[in-house]
Amino acid sequence: RRAYQDMIRVLVALHQVDYPAIGLETFGGHPKSQRRQDPTTPQPPLGYVERQLQRLSAVAQKQGTLLQDSETTHEIQALAQQLQQSLPSSDDAVTTCLIHGDFKVDNVVFHPTEPRVMAVLDWELSTLGDPHCDVANLSMMYFMPSHSPTGIRGLAGLAPDVTLPTRYELYSLYVCCPLWFVREEGGDGPQHGTTTLQERTREVMTNFSHGWDWSGYYLAFLFFKNCVILQGVAQRSHAGVASSPFAQKVAQLLPMVISMTQDILQEYPPPLPGARRTVDGTSSKL
């Protein structure tokens, strides 16, 4: 559990990096000027998730055509449409930050004898984006089956282990992590300008309730992203140009991952438009 706590500490530290101060305003091709299709109406640039959905949908359509599998392509596009229709509004959006893009236990190196992170690997997907995507990526392990012929395994189906945090506890660690820094800076006096620990705690708890309501959406988005990846593996295997001898086995996961994405959207739907959960757990309109 302490190792997971330190992993979350590292993730929060990454998300708090002042990227403009170190010259990363356009890192990862962040489109400061990219806008929606209607040029007559001034609108903000597309958000990270919306950009990803557009790109992934186009890729899935092309892969489906090459694979000649219209049924699977239709299922993937239906997921994309459902995610597009439930996009977080500008009121629900979070501040863009530096994200890893594939943050998970597999990409973290721990100290051999201490519960602390020594390094984070595989930064090729790092970009400027939505921090909830990193948290969702880490949380996918709770839904992946513990037994798989492909070697891609998670925690689902295993007996509960008190040494590992639940998904809820993991998200709690992430949201509450900034409070650790406040306490380390001097207890409950004024911190971060005029913000006291009490005020910061209330802010964190409000963000937690609201963010948790959206956690299922981000999980579904990450699983959708993996659907497109697996479809690509299947397409390359079908064409005989797969880079791995295990590609065909990996591609067989696609129907399961599509089904998991559908189940997550049904079991953990995003909140109603304009609804924000308050500290006491009730829902309020913005």
C-alpha atoms as a PDB file:
ATOM      1  CA  ARG A   1       0.000   0.000   0.000  1.00  0.00           C
ATOM      2  CA  ARG A   2       2.857   2.420   0.773  1.00  0.00           C
ATOM      3  CA  ALA A   3       4.365   1.634  -2.621  1.00  0.00           C
ATOM      4  CA  TYR A   4       1.088   2.572  -4.339  1.00  0.00           C
ATOM      5  CA  GLN A   5       0.920   5.732  -2.250  1.00  0.00           C
ATOM      6  CA  ASP A   6       4.355   6.737  -3.460  1.00  0.00           C
ATOM      7  CA  MET A   7       3.380   5.951  -7.037  1.00  0.00           C
ATOM      8  CA  ILE A   8       0.438   8.344  -6.665  1.00  0.00           C
ATOM      9  CA  ARG A   9       2.767  10.958  -5.152  1.00  0.00           C
ATOM     10  CA  VAL A  10       4.925  10.745  -8.276  1.00  0.00           C
ATOM     11  CA  LEU A  11       1.880  11.038 -10.555  1.00  0.00           C
ATOM     12  CA  VAL A  12       0.580  14.105  -8.713  1.00  0.00           C
ATOM     13  CA  ALA A  13       4.036  15.695  -8.880  1.00  0.00           C
ATOM     14  CA  LEU A  14       4.045  15.133 -12.649  1.00  0.00           C
ATOM     15  CA  HIS A  15       0.602  16.702 -13.028  1.00  0.00           C
ATOM     16  CA  GLN A  16       1.705  19.736 -11.005  1.00  0.00           C
ATOM     17  CA  VAL A  17       4.684  20.515 -13.245  1.00  0.00           C
ATOM     18  CA  ASP A  18       4.521  24.116 -14.472  1.00  0.00           C
ATOM     19  CA  TYR A  19       4.934  23.100 -18.113  1.00  0.00           C
ATOM     20  CA  PRO A  20       4.804  26.637 -19.633  1.00  0.00           C
ATOM     21  CA  ALA A  21       7.667  27.673 -17.351  1.00  0.00           C
ATOM     22  CA  ILE A  22       9.897  24.989 -18.879  1.00  0.00           C
ATOM     23  CA  GLY A  23       8.914  25.645 -22.495  1.00  0.00           C
ATOM     24  CA  LEU A  24       6.402  22.827 -23.032  1.00  0.00           C
ATOM     25  CA  GLU A  25       3.368  24.867 -24.147  1.00  0.00           C
ATOM     26  CA  THR A  26       3.171  22.887 -27.410  1.00  0.00           C
ATOM     27  CA  PHE A  27       4.569  19.592 -26.101  1.00  0.00           C
ATOM     28  CA  GLY A  28       3.071  16.573 -27.836  1.00  0.00           C
ATOM     29  CA  GLY A  29       1.648  18.800 -30.563  1.00  0.00           C
ATOM     30  CA  HIS A  30      -0.780  20.462 -28.151  1.00  0.00           C
ATOM     31  CA  PRO A  31      -3.037  22.357 -30.587  1.00  0.00           C
ATOM     32  CA  LYS A  32      -3.386  25.801 -29.042  1.00  0.00           C
ATOM     33  CA  SER A  33      -5.188  26.984 -32.177  1.00  0.00           C
ATOM     34  CA  GLN A  34      -7.083  23.836 -33.234  1.00  0.00           C
ATOM     35  CA  ARG A  35     -10.807  24.526 -33.214  1.00  0.00           C
ATOM     36  CA  ARG A  36     -14.094  22.802 -33.969  1.00  0.00           C
ATOM     37  CA  GLN A  37     -15.576  22.581 -37.451  1.00  0.00           C
ATOM     38  CA  ASP A  38     -17.738  25.737 -37.413  1.00  0.00           C
ATOM     39  CA  PRO A  39     -15.321  28.595 -38.233  1.00  0.00           C
ATOM     40  CA  THR A  40     -18.011  31.274 -37.856  1.00  0.00           C
ATOM     41  CA  THR A  41     -18.447  30.774 -34.112  1.00  0.00           C
ATOM     42  CA  PRO A  42     -15.527  31.587 -31.798  1.00  0.00           C
ATOM     43  CA  GLN A  43     -14.866  28.471 -29.731  1.00  0.00           C
ATOM     44  CA  PRO A  44     -12.043  27.206 -27.532  1.00  0.00           C
ATOM     45  CA  PRO A  45      -9.597  24.580 -28.806  1.00  0.00           C
ATOM     46  CA  LEU A  46     -10.743  20.974 -28.648  1.00  0.00           C
ATOM     47  CA  GLY A  47     -10.138  19.257 -25.334  1.00  0.00           C
ATOM     48  CA  TYR A  48      -7.740  16.346 -24.995  1.00  0.00           C
ATOM     49  CA  VAL A  49     -10.415  13.637 -24.797  1.00  0.00           C
ATOM     50  CA  GLU A  50     -12.390  15.122 -27.681  1.00  0.00           C
ATOM     51  CA  ARG A  51      -9.283  15.275 -29.893  1.00  0.00           C
ATOM     52  CA  GLN A  52      -8.436  11.703 -28.992  1.00  0.00           C
ATOM     53  CA  LEU A  53     -11.959  10.490 -29.773  1.00  0.00           C
ATOM     54  CA  GLN A  54     -11.885  12.114 -33.206  1.00  0.00           C
ATOM     55  CA  ARG A  55      -8.499  10.643 -34.082  1.00  0.00           C
ATOM     56  CA  LEU A  56      -9.235   7.196 -32.689  1.00  0.00           C
ATOM     57  CA  SER A  57     -12.606   7.023 -34.463  1.00  0.00           C
ATOM     58  CA  ALA A  58     -10.935   7.799 -37.794  1.00  0.00           C
ATOM     59  CA  VAL A  59      -8.229   5.195 -37.150  1.00  0.00           C
ATOM     60  CA  ALA A  60     -10.824   2.574 -36.159  1.00  0.00           C
ATOM     61  CA  GLN A  61     -12.818   3.216 -39.332  1.00  0.00           C
ATOM     62  CA  LYS A  62      -9.745   2.762 -41.536  1.00  0.00           C
ATOM     63  CA  GLN A  63      -8.591  -0.342 -39.653  1.00  0.00           C
ATOM     64  CA  GLY A  64     -12.084  -1.847 -39.888  1.00  0.00           C
ATOM     65  CA  THR A  65     -12.127  -1.324 -43.647  1.00  0.00           C
ATOM     66  CA  LEU A  66      -8.763  -3.060 -44.025  1.00  0.00           C
ATOM     67  CA  LEU A  67      -9.829  -5.829 -41.670  1.00  0.00           C
ATOM     68  CA  GLN A  68     -13.172  -6.228 -43.453  1.00  0.00           C
ATOM     69  CA  ASP A  69     -14.952  -6.581 -40.129  1.00  0.00           C
ATOM     70  CA  SER A  70     -17.940  -4.265 -40.241  1.00  0.00           C
ATOM     71  CA  GLU A  71     -19.564  -5.679 -37.080  1.00  0.00           C
ATOM     72  CA  THR A  72     -16.597  -4.945 -34.818  1.00  0.00           C
ATOM     73  CA  THR A  73     -16.087  -1.550 -36.440  1.00  0.00           C
ATOM     74  CA  HIS A  74     -19.732  -0.702 -35.788  1.00  0.00           C
ATOM     75  CA  GLU A  75     -19.376  -1.652 -32.099  1.00  0.00           C
ATOM     76  CA  ILE A  76     -16.254   0.489 -31.717  1.00  0.00           C
ATOM     77  CA  GLN A  77     -17.854   3.461 -33.467  1.00  0.00           C
ATOM     78  CA  ALA A  78     -20.944   3.099 -31.265  1.00  0.00           C
ATOM     79  CA  LEU A  79     -18.699   3.377 -28.214  1.00  0.00           C
ATOM     80  CA  ALA A  80     -17.015   6.450 -29.681  1.00  0.00           C
ATOM     81  CA  GLN A  81     -20.388   8.073 -30.304  1.00  0.00           C
ATOM     82  CA  GLN A  82     -21.552   7.356 -26.766  1.00  0.00           C
ATOM     83  CA  LEU A  83     -18.360   8.823 -25.318  1.00  0.00           C
ATOM     84  CA  GLN A  84     -18.616  11.848 -27.610  1.00  0.00           C
ATOM     85  CA  GLN A  85     -22.183  12.519 -26.495  1.00  0.00           C
ATOM     86  CA  SER A  86     -21.139  12.394 -22.827  1.00  0.00           C
ATOM     87  CA  LEU A  87     -18.037  14.570 -23.059  1.00  0.00           C
ATOM     88  CA  PRO A  88     -17.346  16.646 -19.938  1.00  0.00           C
ATOM     89  CA  SER A  89     -18.626  20.189 -20.399  1.00  0.00           C
ATOM     90  CA  SER A  90     -16.432  23.247 -19.937  1.00  0.00           C
ATOM     91  CA  ASP A  91     -17.692  23.394 -16.350  1.00  0.00           C
ATOM     92  CA  ASP A  92     -16.573  19.806 -15.745  1.00  0.00           C
ATOM     93  CA  ALA A  93     -13.247  20.088 -17.525  1.00  0.00           C
ATOM     94  CA  VAL A  94     -10.002  20.043 -15.594  1.00  0.00           C
ATOM     95  CA  THR A  95      -6.877  22.092 -16.150  1.00  0.00           C
ATOM     96  CA  THR A  96      -4.591  20.791 -18.872  1.00  0.00           C
ATOM     97  CA  CYS A  97      -1.361  19.396 -17.477  1.00  0.00           C
ATOM     98  CA  LEU A  98       1.613  17.258 -18.387  1.00  0.00           C
ATOM     99  CA  ILE A  99       0.472  13.626 -18.475  1.00  0.00           C
ATOM    100  CA  HIS A 100       2.397  10.380 -18.886  1.00  0.00           C
ATOM    101  CA  GLY A 101      -0.075   8.750 -21.257  1.00  0.00           C
ATOM    102  CA  ASP A 102       0.491   5.154 -20.102  1.00  0.00           C
ATOM    103  CA  PHE A 103       0.912   5.394 -16.348  1.00  0.00           C
ATOM    104  CA  LYS A 104       0.650   1.935 -14.765  1.00  0.00           C
ATOM    105  CA  VAL A 105       2.496  -0.404 -12.436  1.00  0.00           C
ATOM    106  CA  ASP A 106       4.289  -2.038 -15.382  1.00  0.00           C
ATOM    107  CA  ASN A 107       5.947   1.280 -16.244  1.00  0.00           C
ATOM    108  CA  VAL A 108       7.199   2.087 -12.751  1.00  0.00           C
ATOM    109  CA  VAL A 109      10.487   0.953 -11.201  1.00  0.00           C
ATOM    110  CA  PHE A 110      10.344   0.537  -7.424  1.00  0.00           C
ATOM    111  CA  HIS A 111      13.233   0.534  -4.992  1.00  0.00           C
ATOM    112  CA  PRO A 112      14.298  -3.098  -4.344  1.00  0.00           C
ATOM    113  CA  THR A 113      13.764  -2.886  -0.578  1.00  0.00           C
ATOM    114  CA  GLU A 114      11.763   0.300   0.054  1.00  0.00           C
ATOM    115  CA  PRO A 115       8.188   1.254  -0.971  1.00  0.00           C
ATOM    116  CA  ARG A 116       9.190   4.145  -3.187  1.00  0.00           C
ATOM    117  CA  VAL A 117       9.407   4.847  -6.894  1.00  0.00           C
ATOM    118  CA  MET A 118      12.860   5.103  -8.428  1.00  0.00           C
ATOM    119  CA  ALA A 119      11.889   5.760 -12.060  1.00  0.00           C
ATOM    120  CA  VAL A 120       8.987   5.997 -14.491  1.00  0.00           C
ATOM    121  CA  LEU A 121       9.459   4.383 -17.902  1.00  0.00           C
ATOM    122  CA  ASP A 122       7.911   4.543 -21.399  1.00  0.00           C
ATOM    123  CA  TRP A 123       7.247   8.224 -21.972  1.00  0.00           C
ATOM    124  CA  GLU A 124       6.472   7.981 -25.695  1.00  0.00           C
ATOM    125  CA  LEU A 125       2.772   8.768 -25.114  1.00  0.00           C
ATOM    126  CA  SER A 126       3.447  11.713 -22.835  1.00  0.00           C
ATOM    127  CA  THR A 127       1.685  14.912 -23.857  1.00  0.00           C
ATOM    128  CA  LEU A 128      -0.394  17.785 -22.520  1.00  0.00           C
ATOM    129  CA  GLY A 129      -3.806  16.475 -21.597  1.00  0.00           C
ATOM    130  CA  ASP A 130      -6.369  15.519 -18.989  1.00  0.00           C
ATOM    131  CA  PRO A 131      -4.872  14.204 -15.720  1.00  0.00           C
ATOM    132  CA  HIS A 132      -7.887  11.945 -15.103  1.00  0.00           C
ATOM    133  CA  CYS A 133      -6.721   9.854 -18.062  1.00  0.00           C
ATOM    134  CA  ASP A 134      -3.529   8.891 -16.205  1.00  0.00           C
ATOM    135  CA  VAL A 135      -5.542   7.921 -13.131  1.00  0.00           C
ATOM    136  CA  ALA A 136      -7.957   5.901 -15.268  1.00  0.00           C
ATOM    137  CA  ASN A 137      -5.086   4.173 -17.049  1.00  0.00           C
ATOM    138  CA  LEU A 138      -3.676   3.081 -13.697  1.00  0.00           C
ATOM    139  CA  SER A 139      -7.143   1.934 -12.593  1.00  0.00           C
ATOM    140  CA  MET A 140      -7.658  -0.391 -15.557  1.00  0.00           C
ATOM    141  CA  MET A 141      -5.873  -3.147 -13.643  1.00  0.00           C
ATOM    142  CA  TYR A 142      -8.933  -3.556 -11.415  1.00  0.00           C
ATOM    143  CA  PHE A 143     -11.032  -4.639 -14.418  1.00  0.00           C
ATOM    144  CA  MET A 144      -8.613  -6.808 -16.382  1.00  0.00           C
ATOM    145  CA  PRO A 145      -8.913 -10.540 -15.588  1.00  0.00           C
ATOM    146  CA  SER A 146      -6.183 -12.096 -13.463  1.00  0.00           C
ATOM    147  CA  HIS A 147      -5.923 -15.094 -15.800  1.00  0.00           C
ATOM    148  CA  SER A 148      -5.263 -14.540 -19.483  1.00  0.00           C
ATOM    149  CA  PRO A 149      -3.508 -16.668 -22.144  1.00  0.00           C
ATOM    150  CA  THR A 150      -1.926 -13.506 -23.578  1.00  0.00           C
ATOM    151  CA  GLY A 151      -0.091 -12.542 -20.391  1.00  0.00           C
ATOM    152  CA  ILE A 152      -2.032  -9.252 -20.186  1.00  0.00           C
ATOM    153  CA  ARG A 153      -3.465  -9.579 -16.708  1.00  0.00           C
ATOM    154  CA  GLY A 154      -5.042  -7.504 -13.980  1.00  0.00           C
ATOM    155  CA  LEU A 155      -6.596  -7.907 -10.555  1.00  0.00           C
ATOM    156  CA  ALA A 156     -10.169  -8.864 -11.461  1.00  0.00           C
ATOM    157  CA  GLY A 157     -11.111 -12.236 -10.039  1.00  0.00           C
ATOM    158  CA  LEU A 158      -8.433 -12.260  -7.368  1.00  0.00           C
ATOM    159  CA  ALA A 159      -9.335 -12.510  -3.705  1.00  0.00           C
ATOM    160  CA  PRO A 160      -9.307  -9.088  -1.969  1.00  0.00           C
ATOM    161  CA  ASP A 161      -5.848  -8.155  -0.735  1.00  0.00           C
ATOM    162  CA  VAL A 162      -5.710  -5.684   2.155  1.00  0.00           C
ATOM    163  CA  THR A 163      -2.185  -4.708   1.141  1.00  0.00           C
ATOM    164  CA  LEU A 164      -3.482  -3.247  -2.136  1.00  0.00           C
ATOM    165  CA  PRO A 165      -5.734  -0.186  -2.348  1.00  0.00           C
ATOM    166  CA  THR A 166      -9.148  -0.543  -3.955  1.00  0.00           C
ATOM    167  CA  ARG A 167      -9.953   1.608  -6.985  1.00  0.00           C
ATOM    168  CA  TYR A 168     -11.857   3.981  -4.713  1.00  0.00           C
ATOM    169  CA  GLU A 169      -8.912   4.182  -2.320  1.00  0.00           C
ATOM    170  CA  LEU A 170      -6.493   4.715  -5.197  1.00  0.00           C
ATOM    171  CA  TYR A 171      -8.541   7.630  -6.481  1.00  0.00           C
ATOM    172  CA  SER A 172      -8.786   9.004  -2.934  1.00  0.00           C
ATOM    173  CA  LEU A 173      -4.994   8.901  -2.668  1.00  0.00           C
ATOM    174  CA  TYR A 174      -4.681  10.853  -5.903  1.00  0.00           C
ATOM    175  CA  VAL A 175      -7.188  13.577  -5.043  1.00  0.00           C
ATOM    176  CA  CYS A 176      -6.013  13.989  -1.448  1.00  0.00           C
ATOM    177  CA  CYS A 177      -2.317  13.921  -2.262  1.00  0.00           C
ATOM    178  CA  PRO A 178      -2.039  17.747  -2.533  1.00  0.00           C
ATOM    179  CA  LEU A 179      -3.053  17.913   1.126  1.00  0.00           C
ATOM    180  CA  TRP A 180       0.132  16.045   2.044  1.00  0.00           C
ATOM    181  CA  PHE A 181       2.152  18.860   0.466  1.00  0.00           C
ATOM    182  CA  VAL A 182       0.125  21.517   2.312  1.00  0.00           C
ATOM    183  CA  ARG A 183       0.683  19.806   5.659  1.00  0.00           C
ATOM    184  CA  GLU A 184       4.396  19.428   4.946  1.00  0.00           C
ATOM    185  CA  GLU A 185       4.578  23.178   4.273  1.00  0.00           C
ATOM    186  CA  GLY A 186       3.431  24.173   7.723  1.00  0.00           C
ATOM    187  CA  GLY A 187       0.349  22.584   9.213  1.00  0.00           C
ATOM    188  CA  ASP A 188      -2.987  24.375   9.144  1.00  0.00           C
ATOM    189  CA  GLY A 189      -1.849  27.939   8.666  1.00  0.00           C
ATOM    190  CA  PRO A 190      -2.194  29.927   5.435  1.00  0.00           C
ATOM    191  CA  GLN A 191      -0.762  27.994   2.499  1.00  0.00           C
ATOM    192  CA  HIS A 192      -0.639  28.598  -1.250  1.00  0.00           C
ATOM    193  CA  GLY A 193      -1.336  32.305  -0.888  1.00  0.00           C
ATOM    194  CA  THR A 194      -4.362  32.796   1.346  1.00  0.00           C
ATOM    195  CA  THR A 195      -5.614  29.178   1.262  1.00  0.00           C
ATOM    196  CA  THR A 196      -5.756  27.501   4.663  1.00  0.00           C
ATOM    197  CA  LEU A 197      -5.575  23.769   5.190  1.00  0.00           C
ATOM    198  CA  GLN A 198      -9.275  23.757   6.082  1.00  0.00           C
ATOM    199  CA  GLU A 199     -10.208  25.559   2.855  1.00  0.00           C
ATOM    200  CA  ARG A 200      -7.916  23.334   0.835  1.00  0.00           C
ATOM    201  CA  THR A 201      -9.456  20.254   2.439  1.00  0.00           C
ATOM    202  CA  ARG A 202     -12.957  21.379   1.473  1.00  0.00           C
ATOM    203  CA  GLU A 203     -11.809  22.085  -2.067  1.00  0.00           C
ATOM    204  CA  VAL A 204     -10.142  18.684  -2.330  1.00  0.00           C
ATOM    205  CA  MET A 205     -13.221  16.858  -1.034  1.00  0.00           C
ATOM    206  CA  THR A 206     -15.483  18.688  -3.484  1.00  0.00           C
ATOM    207  CA  ASN A 207     -13.119  17.819  -6.330  1.00  0.00           C
ATOM    208  CA  PHE A 208     -13.029  14.220  -5.110  1.00  0.00           C
ATOM    209  CA  SER A 209     -16.812  13.795  -5.159  1.00  0.00           C
ATOM    210  CA  HIS A 210     -17.143  15.395  -8.564  1.00  0.00           C
ATOM    211  CA  GLY A 211     -14.111  13.618 -10.033  1.00  0.00           C
ATOM    212  CA  TRP A 212     -15.225  10.230  -8.756  1.00  0.00           C
ATOM    213  CA  ASP A 213     -18.555  10.722 -10.529  1.00  0.00           C
ATOM    214  CA  TRP A 214     -16.606  11.077 -13.790  1.00  0.00           C
ATOM    215  CA  SER A 215     -14.118   8.271 -13.104  1.00  0.00           C
ATOM    216  CA  GLY A 216     -16.211   5.673 -14.937  1.00  0.00           C
ATOM    217  CA  TYR A 217     -16.310   7.853 -18.054  1.00  0.00           C
ATOM    218  CA  TYR A 218     -12.535   8.158 -18.125  1.00  0.00           C
ATOM    219  CA  LEU A 219     -12.167   4.418 -17.544  1.00  0.00           C
ATOM    220  CA  ALA A 220     -14.477   3.736 -20.480  1.00  0.00           C
ATOM    221  CA  PHE A 221     -12.492   6.165 -22.627  1.00  0.00           C
ATOM    222  CA  LEU A 222      -9.225   4.371 -21.822  1.00  0.00           C
ATOM    223  CA  PHE A 223     -10.782   0.976 -22.545  1.00  0.00           C
ATOM    224  CA  PHE A 224     -12.158   2.370 -25.812  1.00  0.00           C
ATOM    225  CA  LYS A 225      -8.649   3.516 -26.683  1.00  0.00           C
ATOM    226  CA  ASN A 226      -7.431  -0.032 -26.081  1.00  0.00           C
ATOM    227  CA  CYS A 227     -10.218  -1.361 -28.310  1.00  0.00           C
ATOM    228  CA  VAL A 228      -8.763   0.656 -31.182  1.00  0.00           C
ATOM    229  CA  ILE A 229      -5.251  -0.553 -30.331  1.00  0.00           C
ATOM    230  CA  LEU A 230      -6.379  -4.193 -30.289  1.00  0.00           C
ATOM    231  CA  GLN A 231      -8.265  -3.687 -33.553  1.00  0.00           C
ATOM    232  CA  GLY A 232      -4.997  -2.444 -35.040  1.00  0.00           C
ATOM    233  CA  VAL A 233      -3.200  -5.548 -33.777  1.00  0.00           C
ATOM    234  CA  ALA A 234      -5.897  -7.703 -35.371  1.00  0.00           C
ATOM    235  CA  GLN A 235      -5.658  -5.804 -38.655  1.00  0.00           C
ATOM    236  CA  ARG A 236      -1.874  -6.176 -38.847  1.00  0.00           C
ATOM    237  CA  SER A 237      -2.104  -9.845 -37.912  1.00  0.00           C
ATOM    238  CA  HIS A 238      -4.705 -10.352 -40.637  1.00  0.00           C
ATOM    239  CA  ALA A 239      -2.404  -8.639 -43.147  1.00  0.00           C
ATOM    240  CA  GLY A 240       0.567 -10.752 -42.056  1.00  0.00           C
ATOM    241  CA  VAL A 241       2.646  -7.777 -40.928  1.00  0.00           C
ATOM    242  CA  ALA A 242       2.311  -8.125 -37.139  1.00  0.00           C
ATOM    243  CA  SER A 243       5.456  -7.306 -35.190  1.00  0.00           C
ATOM    244  CA  SER A 244       4.839  -9.962 -32.526  1.00  0.00           C
ATOM    245  CA  PRO A 245       4.298 -13.730 -32.816  1.00  0.00           C
ATOM    246  CA  PHE A 246       1.634 -13.335 -30.119  1.00  0.00           C
ATOM    247  CA  ALA A 247      -0.349 -10.754 -32.079  1.00  0.00           C
ATOM    248  CA  GLN A 248      -3.163 -13.136 -32.984  1.00  0.00           C
ATOM    249  CA  LYS A 249      -3.655 -14.135 -29.335  1.00  0.00           C
ATOM    250  CA  VAL A 250      -3.612 -10.519 -28.219  1.00  0.00           C
ATOM    251  CA  ALA A 251      -6.133  -9.593 -30.915  1.00  0.00           C
ATOM    252  CA  GLN A 252      -8.517 -12.196 -29.493  1.00  0.00           C
ATOM    253  CA  LEU A 253      -8.978  -9.903 -26.482  1.00  0.00           C
ATOM    254  CA  LEU A 254     -10.855  -7.359 -28.604  1.00  0.00           C
ATOM    255  CA  PRO A 255     -14.416  -8.705 -28.101  1.00  0.00           C
ATOM    256  CA  MET A 256     -13.824  -8.919 -24.342  1.00  0.00           C
ATOM    257  CA  VAL A 257     -12.483  -5.347 -24.133  1.00  0.00           C
ATOM    258  CA  ILE A 258     -15.387  -4.007 -26.206  1.00  0.00           C
ATOM    259  CA  SER A 259     -17.791  -5.742 -23.831  1.00  0.00           C
ATOM    260  CA  MET A 260     -15.928  -4.377 -20.793  1.00  0.00           C
ATOM    261  CA  THR A 261     -16.152  -0.836 -22.188  1.00  0.00           C
ATOM    262  CA  GLN A 262     -19.888  -1.216 -22.707  1.00  0.00           C
ATOM    263  CA  ASP A 263     -20.317  -2.590 -19.180  1.00  0.00           C
ATOM    264  CA  ILE A 264     -18.318   0.259 -17.606  1.00  0.00           C
ATOM    265  CA  LEU A 265     -20.401   2.901 -19.389  1.00  0.00           C
ATOM    266  CA  GLN A 266     -23.542   1.192 -18.157  1.00  0.00           C
ATOM    267  CA  GLU A 267     -22.385   0.564 -14.586  1.00  0.00           C
ATOM    268  CA  TYR A 268     -20.520   3.862 -14.061  1.00  0.00           C
ATOM    269  CA  PRO A 269     -22.313   6.410 -16.280  1.00  0.00           C
ATOM    270  CA  PRO A 270     -21.166  10.037 -16.270  1.00  0.00           C
ATOM    271  CA  PRO A 271     -23.232  12.499 -14.207  1.00  0.00           C
ATOM    272  CA  LEU A 272     -26.111  14.397 -15.735  1.00  0.00           C
ATOM    273  CA  PRO A 273     -25.131  17.595 -17.584  1.00  0.00           C
ATOM    274  CA  GLY A 274     -24.493  20.439 -15.164  1.00  0.00           C
ATOM    275  CA  ALA A 275     -24.632  18.267 -12.040  1.00  0.00           C
ATOM    276  CA  ARG A 276     -21.878  18.728  -9.505  1.00  0.00           C
ATOM    277  CA  ARG A 277     -21.702  16.732  -6.298  1.00  0.00           C
ATOM    278  CA  THR A 278     -21.142  18.757  -3.135  1.00  0.00           C
ATOM    279  CA  VAL A 279     -19.043  17.853  -0.104  1.00  0.00           C
ATOM    280  CA  ASP A 280     -22.045  16.321   1.674  1.00  0.00           C
ATOM    281  CA  GLY A 281     -22.616  13.978  -1.270  1.00  0.00           C
ATOM    282  CA  THR A 282     -25.723  15.671  -2.678  1.00  0.00           C
ATOM    283  CA  SER A 283     -26.025  16.701  -6.300  1.00  0.00           C
ATOM    284  CA  SER A 284     -26.332  20.333  -7.256  1.00  0.00           C
ATOM    285  CA  LYS A 285     -26.723  22.239 -10.500  1.00  0.00           C
ATOM    286  CA  LEU A 286     -23.984  24.611 -11.540  1.00  0.00           C
END
